[in-house]
Structures are given as C-alpha cells and as structure tokens.
Protein backbone atom coordinates (compact mmCIF):
# COMPACT_ATOMS: atom_id res chain seq x y z
CA MET A 1 5.31 -15.63 6.81
CA PRO A 2 8.58 -14.57 5.19
CA ASP A 3 11.04 -17.40 4.69
CA ALA A 4 14.73 -17.29 5.68
CA ASN A 5 15.46 -15.25 2.52
CA GLY A 6 12.81 -12.62 3.25
CA ARG A 7 10.46 -13.96 0.56
CA SER A 8 6.78 -13.91 1.32
CA THR A 9 4.80 -17.06 1.64
CA ALA A 10 1.08 -17.11 1.05
CA GLY A 11 -1.29 -17.55 3.92
CA SER A 12 -4.31 -19.31 2.44
CA SER A 13 -4.97 -22.77 1.13
CA SER A 14 -5.88 -21.51 -2.36
CA THR A 15 -2.75 -19.47 -2.93
CA GLU A 16 -2.35 -20.09 -6.63
CA LEU A 17 -5.55 -18.35 -7.79
CA PRO A 18 -4.59 -18.98 -11.45
CA HIS A 19 -7.38 -16.83 -12.88
CA VAL A 20 -6.17 -13.61 -11.21
CA THR A 21 -4.34 -11.60 -13.87
CA THR A 22 -4.92 -8.04 -12.64
CA ILE A 23 -4.49 -6.49 -9.20
CA HIS A 24 -5.90 -3.06 -8.37
CA THR A 25 -4.26 -1.24 -5.47
CA LEU A 26 -3.11 2.08 -4.06
CA GLY A 27 -0.83 4.36 -6.04
CA PRO A 28 0.91 6.36 -7.24
CA THR A 29 4.01 4.32 -7.89
CA GLY A 30 6.26 3.68 -4.91
CA THR A 31 3.65 2.51 -2.40
CA ASN A 32 4.08 -0.57 -0.26
CA LEU A 33 0.89 -1.92 -1.84
CA GLU A 34 2.36 -1.64 -5.33
CA LYS A 35 5.43 -3.54 -4.11
CA ALA A 36 3.21 -6.23 -2.58
CA ALA A 37 1.11 -6.60 -5.74
CA HIS A 38 4.18 -7.19 -7.88
CA ARG A 39 5.53 -9.63 -5.28
CA TRP A 40 2.25 -11.57 -5.31
CA PHE A 41 2.66 -12.23 -9.04
CA ALA A 42 6.42 -12.88 -8.73
CA ASP A 43 5.86 -15.46 -5.98
CA ARG A 44 3.62 -17.33 -8.42
CA GLN A 45 6.18 -16.96 -11.22
CA ARG A 46 3.73 -15.38 -13.61
CA GLN A 47 3.06 -12.10 -15.30
CA GLY A 48 0.26 -9.89 -14.10
CA ARG A 49 -1.00 -6.37 -14.45
CA VAL A 50 -0.92 -3.97 -11.47
CA VAL A 51 -3.27 -0.99 -11.73
CA LEU A 52 -2.69 1.91 -9.33
CA HIS A 53 -5.48 4.11 -7.99
CA ALA A 54 -5.78 7.22 -5.81
CA GLU A 55 -7.75 5.18 -3.25
CA VAL A 56 -7.82 1.40 -2.77
CA GLU A 57 -11.58 1.34 -3.32
CA ASP A 58 -11.31 3.10 -6.68
CA GLY A 59 -10.47 -0.29 -8.19
CA LEU A 60 -14.06 -1.35 -7.53
CA ASP A 61 -15.27 1.14 -10.14
CA VAL A 62 -13.22 -0.33 -12.99
CA MET A 63 -12.47 -3.95 -12.18
CA ALA A 64 -14.06 -6.92 -13.88
CA PHE A 65 -16.10 -9.13 -11.60
CA ASP A 66 -15.23 -12.36 -13.37
CA GLY A 67 -12.62 -13.86 -11.03
CA SER A 68 -9.69 -12.43 -13.04
CA GLU A 69 -9.25 -9.20 -11.11
CA ALA A 70 -8.58 -8.46 -7.46
CA ILE A 71 -7.97 -5.64 -5.02
CA LEU A 72 -4.91 -5.73 -2.79
CA ALA A 73 -5.22 -4.04 0.59
CA CYS A 74 -3.21 -3.90 3.79
CA ALA A 75 -4.23 -5.22 7.19
CA VAL A 76 -3.53 -1.83 8.82
CA TYR A 77 -5.60 0.07 6.26
CA PRO A 78 -7.96 2.12 8.45
CA ARG A 79 -10.98 1.32 6.22
CA LEU A 80 -10.26 -2.37 5.56
CA HIS A 81 -13.42 -3.37 7.43
CA ASP A 82 -15.49 -1.19 5.05
CA LEU A 83 -13.82 -2.79 2.02
CA VAL A 84 -14.58 -6.28 3.33
CA PHE A 85 -18.05 -5.94 4.83
CA GLY A 86 -19.33 -3.35 2.38
CA ASN A 87 -18.50 -5.62 -0.55
CA LEU A 88 -19.36 -9.12 0.66
CA HIS A 89 -21.73 -9.42 -2.31
CA ARG A 90 -18.95 -8.89 -4.87
CA LEU A 91 -15.53 -9.59 -3.27
CA THR A 92 -14.02 -12.65 -1.64
CA MET A 93 -10.97 -12.37 0.61
CA ALA A 94 -8.97 -15.06 -1.18
CA ASP A 95 -5.40 -14.73 0.08
CA SER A 96 -3.13 -13.03 2.54
CA PHE A 97 0.64 -12.88 2.97
CA ILE A 98 3.32 -11.16 4.99
CA LEU A 99 5.93 -9.01 3.31
CA ASP A 100 8.27 -6.37 4.67
CA THR A 101 7.35 -2.85 3.61
CA TYR A 102 9.94 -0.53 2.19
CA ASP A 103 11.80 1.26 4.99
CA MET A 104 9.43 3.79 6.54
CA VAL A 105 11.08 7.18 7.03
CA LEU A 106 10.50 10.68 8.27
CA ALA A 107 11.77 12.83 5.41
CA ALA A 108 12.08 16.50 4.48
CA ARG A 109 13.33 18.68 1.65
CA PRO A 110 17.09 19.32 1.63
CA GLY A 111 17.79 22.38 3.74
CA GLN A 112 14.55 22.15 5.75
CA GLN A 113 15.65 23.12 9.26
CA SER A 114 12.58 22.83 11.48
CA VAL A 115 9.65 20.45 11.42
CA THR A 116 6.29 21.75 12.56
CA THR A 117 3.97 20.31 9.88
CA ILE A 118 4.02 16.65 8.85
CA VAL A 119 1.97 14.85 6.20
CA THR A 120 1.41 11.10 6.38
CA HIS A 121 -0.95 8.33 5.39
CA PRO A 122 -3.16 7.61 8.43
CA ALA A 123 -1.73 4.10 8.98
CA PRO A 124 1.84 5.08 10.01
CA SER A 125 0.88 8.39 11.63
CA CYS A 126 1.64 7.16 15.15
CA LEU A 127 5.34 7.11 14.20
CA VAL A 128 5.33 10.90 14.55
CA THR A 129 2.82 11.48 17.35
CA ASN A 130 3.57 14.75 19.20
CA ARG A 131 6.21 15.86 16.67
CA GLY A 132 4.14 18.54 14.99
CA THR A 133 0.84 19.26 13.31
CA ILE A 134 -0.15 16.13 11.38
CA SER A 135 -2.15 16.15 8.15
CA TYR A 136 -3.22 13.12 6.15
CA ALA A 137 -2.56 12.01 2.59
CA SER A 138 -4.09 9.14 0.64
CA SER A 139 -0.77 7.27 0.34
CA ASN A 140 2.88 7.37 1.37
CA SER A 141 3.81 8.44 -2.17
CA VAL A 142 1.31 11.31 -2.14
CA ALA A 143 2.72 12.42 1.24
CA ALA A 144 6.23 12.52 -0.23
CA ALA A 145 5.05 14.57 -3.22
CA ALA A 146 3.22 17.07 -0.97
CA CYS A 147 6.33 17.48 1.17
CA ALA A 148 8.56 17.93 -1.88
CA ALA A 149 6.15 20.59 -3.19
CA GLY A 150 6.69 22.57 0.03
CA ASP A 151 3.18 22.07 1.39
CA TYR A 152 4.57 20.50 4.59
CA ASP A 153 7.90 20.56 6.44
CA ALA A 154 8.22 16.76 6.55
CA CYS A 155 6.44 13.53 5.73
CA VAL A 156 6.21 9.91 6.79
CA THR A 157 6.74 7.90 3.65
CA THR A 158 8.72 5.02 2.19
CA ASP A 159 12.42 5.40 1.54
CA ARG A 160 11.70 4.75 -2.13
CA ALA A 161 9.12 7.55 -2.39
CA ALA A 162 11.40 9.94 -0.47
CA GLN A 163 14.28 9.24 -2.85
CA ALA A 164 12.03 9.65 -5.89
CA GLN A 165 10.99 13.10 -4.63
CA GLY A 166 14.54 14.20 -3.73
CA LEU A 167 13.84 14.28 0.01
CA ARG A 168 16.41 13.62 2.73
CA THR A 169 15.79 11.14 5.52
CA LEU A 170 15.54 12.63 9.01
CA GLU A 171 14.77 9.30 10.69
CA ASN A 172 14.57 5.75 9.37
CA PHE A 173 12.00 3.57 11.17
CA GLY A 174 12.99 0.53 9.08
CA PRO A 175 10.77 -1.96 7.27
CA VAL A 176 7.56 -3.21 8.85
CA PRO A 177 6.48 -6.85 8.46
CA MET A 178 3.01 -6.31 7.01
CA VAL A 179 -0.01 -8.46 6.23
CA PHE A 180 -1.47 -7.84 2.79
CA THR A 181 -4.92 -9.09 1.79
CA LEU A 182 -6.15 -10.05 -1.68
CA HIS A 183 -9.84 -9.61 -2.46
CA VAL A 184 -11.01 -11.28 -5.68
CA GLY A 185 -14.03 -10.06 -7.62
CA LYS A 186 -16.79 -12.65 -7.60
CA ALA A 187 -17.81 -13.88 -11.03
CA GLY A 188 -21.15 -12.42 -12.03
CA ALA A 189 -21.34 -10.01 -9.08
CA ALA A 190 -23.37 -6.88 -9.58
CA CYS A 191 -21.40 -3.69 -9.33
C-alpha cells in the first residue's frame, strides 16, 4: 500500500530480494511498468537495470534464470495468468506492491477536432467504451506514438507519453492505484 507520502510499500515477506539486479518489463519508455520498475529499485535504495521490451513476455527470451533477473507485470495485464501459469517451471512470483500510475489521459494531436478512432492498450480500454472505434496497442507509449503519427484520432495513454509525443489532453482520468507483480527467474530453470 502507498504510505502517507504516496510511496509504495512492498507486499510480500521477502521484499528485499537482494540478488535481483535487472528487471525486464514493457516499453518503450514512458510506460507505467517502467515507472514501477525504477520505483522498485528506488524503494530498496539500490541501483538496478531496467530493460524495456515490446511485450512483457519478451523478457523471457533474454533474461538469465539465475535469481538475478525478474519480470515486472501489472495485475490488470490481460495475459497475467498466462505469464504466471505458463512459466511456473521457471518463474516465481516473489513480490507485489501498489503504486499510482501516471495520470491516464485521452489525448489527441493539436488541432484534432473529432474523435472517431481511438488506440489504447487493452487494460484501460474501458475508459473510452462507446466513444469511437477502438484499436489496441501493446503499450500506452505505443498508443501515444500511433496517435501522434496520425494513425488514430485519439489515444488512451499516460500523461507522460502524451507530452513526449506532443499530444494535447482531451480528458484526464487521473492516476490509478495499481498492483504490480515481480516474477523472479528461478536459478537453473530451463528456458
């Protein structure tokens, strides 16, 4: 749970996990998962490496299974059950914590007048139900880039990704208190 200052507090009894030095998670830069990965290391007051991937599961293809690397996912990730149960032989869910996401926004290019097509990651798509034709992107940052490129009229993304792409906010849904899960590679696990 976040403390009175909005800092996350870990949810498991083995929250230190001193051997974890690398976290693989969803990119590109600007995702809520990237923010959470950096916060996980900051809360433990240590340096760590955050590696961003096009899909959360892509980390499985490159991570070391020696207890030093982990995958960070989100409790609302539509395929979290596949990540967990499909990898019981090589991943252990070792920690979880709550952290506010960046503000989630509906954004568009400057000058965009009407919104009929919207791109979003599947998780926050219900924020714009019945507002137009919805298409899906692999992350909030990818949605912002696709909108900025003119592929869609608007996007659901983070305020940070919208700003990075030069988009204007049409509606701010605010931050969402989110559960993040850390899955550590089991030492000696077969890939």
